Protein backbone atom coordinates (compact mmCIF):
# COMPACT_ATOMS: atom_id res chain seq x y z
CA UNK A 1 -0.03 -0.01 -0.01
CA UNK A 2 2.96 2.36 0.46
CA UNK A 3 4.50 1.52 -2.92
CA UNK A 4 3.48 3.20 -6.17
CA UNK A 5 4.64 2.00 -9.43
CA UNK A 6 4.62 4.79 -12.18
CA UNK A 7 5.07 4.01 -15.76
CA UNK A 8 5.49 6.59 -18.60
CA UNK A 9 6.76 8.94 -15.95
CA UNK A 10 9.90 10.96 -15.76
CA UNK A 11 11.64 12.01 -12.44
CA UNK A 12 12.39 15.71 -13.08
CA UNK A 13 13.53 16.78 -9.58
CA UNK A 14 13.93 15.48 -6.06
CA UNK A 15 15.31 16.39 -2.75
CA UNK A 16 15.42 16.47 0.97
CA UNK A 17 17.45 17.77 3.94
CA UNK A 18 19.79 14.76 4.53
CA UNK A 19 18.01 12.05 2.62
CA UNK A 20 15.47 11.66 -0.16
CA UNK A 21 12.15 13.10 1.07
CA UNK A 22 10.38 14.10 -2.21
CA UNK A 23 10.10 13.54 -5.91
CA UNK A 24 8.84 15.76 -8.66
CA UNK A 25 7.30 13.55 -11.48
CA UNK A 26 6.10 14.37 -14.91
CA UNK A 27 3.54 12.10 -16.50
CA UNK A 28 2.83 11.38 -20.15
CA UNK A 29 0.54 14.53 -20.40
CA UNK A 30 3.35 16.78 -19.26
CA UNK A 31 1.82 17.60 -15.89
CA UNK A 32 4.16 17.64 -12.84
CA UNK A 33 3.35 16.61 -9.25
CA UNK A 34 5.50 16.49 -6.15
CA UNK A 35 5.15 13.26 -4.07
CA UNK A 36 6.68 12.42 -0.64
CA UNK A 37 9.38 9.67 -1.17
CA UNK A 38 11.66 7.58 0.95
CA UNK A 39 13.14 5.58 -1.95
CA UNK A 40 13.38 5.43 -5.64
CA UNK A 41 14.08 2.28 -7.69
CA UNK A 42 14.92 2.71 -11.37
CA UNK A 43 14.45 -0.33 -13.45
CA UNK A 44 16.37 -0.07 -16.75
CA UNK A 45 16.78 -3.09 -18.95
CA UNK A 46 13.33 -4.27 -18.18
CA UNK A 47 12.36 -3.69 -21.83
CA UNK A 48 14.86 -5.01 -24.25
CA UNK A 49 16.20 -2.67 -27.02
CA UNK A 50 16.68 -5.37 -29.69
CA UNK A 51 14.67 -4.19 -32.71
CA UNK A 52 17.82 -3.22 -34.48
CA UNK A 53 19.07 -6.88 -34.42
CA UNK A 54 18.63 -8.94 -37.59
CA UNK A 55 15.68 -11.33 -37.67
CA UNK A 56 18.10 -14.34 -37.60
CA UNK A 57 18.87 -13.71 -33.94
CA UNK A 58 16.02 -15.50 -32.11
CA UNK A 59 14.22 -13.60 -29.34
CA UNK A 60 11.55 -14.60 -26.87
CA UNK A 61 8.08 -13.18 -27.07
CA UNK A 62 9.08 -10.05 -25.10
CA UNK A 63 12.10 -9.39 -27.42
CA UNK A 64 14.85 -10.68 -25.20
CA UNK A 65 17.73 -12.50 -27.00
CA UNK A 66 17.62 -16.41 -26.74
CA UNK A 67 21.01 -17.95 -25.95
CA UNK A 68 22.30 -21.53 -25.66
CA UNK A 69 21.40 -22.43 -29.28
CA UNK A 70 25.03 -23.36 -30.21
CA UNK A 71 27.67 -25.23 -28.22
CA UNK A 72 28.32 -22.11 -25.93
CA UNK A 73 25.79 -21.14 -23.18
CA UNK A 74 25.73 -17.32 -24.35
CA UNK A 75 25.81 -17.95 -28.05
CA UNK A 76 22.62 -16.84 -29.92
CA UNK A 77 20.86 -18.60 -32.81
CA UNK A 78 23.61 -16.90 -35.07
CA UNK A 79 26.92 -18.86 -34.70
CA UNK A 80 29.57 -16.54 -33.31
CA UNK A 81 27.14 -13.87 -32.02
CA UNK A 82 26.84 -13.94 -28.22
CA UNK A 83 24.51 -12.01 -25.73
CA UNK A 84 24.94 -11.37 -21.99
CA UNK A 85 23.28 -9.17 -19.38
CA UNK A 86 19.84 -7.65 -19.36
CA UNK A 87 19.24 -8.21 -23.09
CA UNK A 88 19.49 -12.00 -22.69
CA UNK A 89 16.35 -14.02 -22.01
CA UNK A 90 16.34 -15.62 -18.66
CA UNK A 91 19.00 -13.33 -17.19
CA UNK A 92 18.39 -12.10 -13.62
CA UNK A 93 18.73 -8.40 -14.69
CA UNK A 94 21.37 -7.56 -12.18
CA UNK A 95 24.67 -5.72 -12.69
CA UNK A 96 26.63 -8.32 -10.75
CA UNK A 97 25.24 -11.10 -12.91
CA UNK A 98 26.03 -9.23 -16.11
CA UNK A 99 29.55 -8.69 -14.96
CA UNK A 100 29.79 -12.54 -14.18
CA UNK A 101 28.33 -13.40 -17.54
CA UNK A 102 30.92 -11.05 -19.15
CA UNK A 103 33.81 -13.03 -17.66
CA UNK A 104 32.29 -16.31 -18.71
CA UNK A 105 31.48 -15.25 -22.42
CA UNK A 106 35.12 -14.02 -22.91
CA UNK A 107 36.20 -17.71 -22.57
CA UNK A 108 33.30 -18.75 -25.00
CA UNK A 109 34.49 -16.18 -27.48
CA UNK A 110 38.12 -17.35 -27.24
CA UNK A 111 37.05 -20.92 -27.83
CA UNK A 112 34.88 -19.95 -30.76
CA UNK A 113 37.70 -17.91 -32.34
CA UNK A 114 40.21 -20.79 -31.75
CA UNK A 115 37.90 -23.28 -33.48
CA UNK A 116 37.67 -20.86 -36.42
CA UNK A 117 41.44 -20.50 -36.57
CA UNK A 118 41.84 -24.32 -36.49
CA UNK A 119 39.43 -24.66 -39.38
CA UNK A 120 41.31 -22.32 -41.64
CA UNK A 121 43.36 -24.01 -44.37
CA UNK A 122 47.07 -24.05 -43.45
CA UNK A 123 49.42 -22.39 -45.85
CA UNK A 124 53.11 -22.85 -45.94
CA UNK A 125 55.22 -19.73 -46.00
CA UNK A 126 58.64 -20.09 -47.83
């Protein structure tokens, strides 16, 4: 009862003496209103920005990128294209998790590139 979720709303100001006490919000109509506030939670990454990706990269019904299609956990439906963090379907949408996924995907990218290198024809240099 003490929590209000506001969508299509911008925080345009806020303040307090020693902590957050109020927020000024602007709604979609442009009207602003001041509200008492003890906390502010900003959820970014809740909506994927994946419209620019080619159609060959599979996404779930909400637009998040599907991974695990190839031999690597973070590989997408397109071989050699990887996705981590908030954009990935099934991720927990937390910074610490995205950082952890980043450290794992580096190994997967290295393995992928090494396999590509091994598959190249060998030429002798004289």
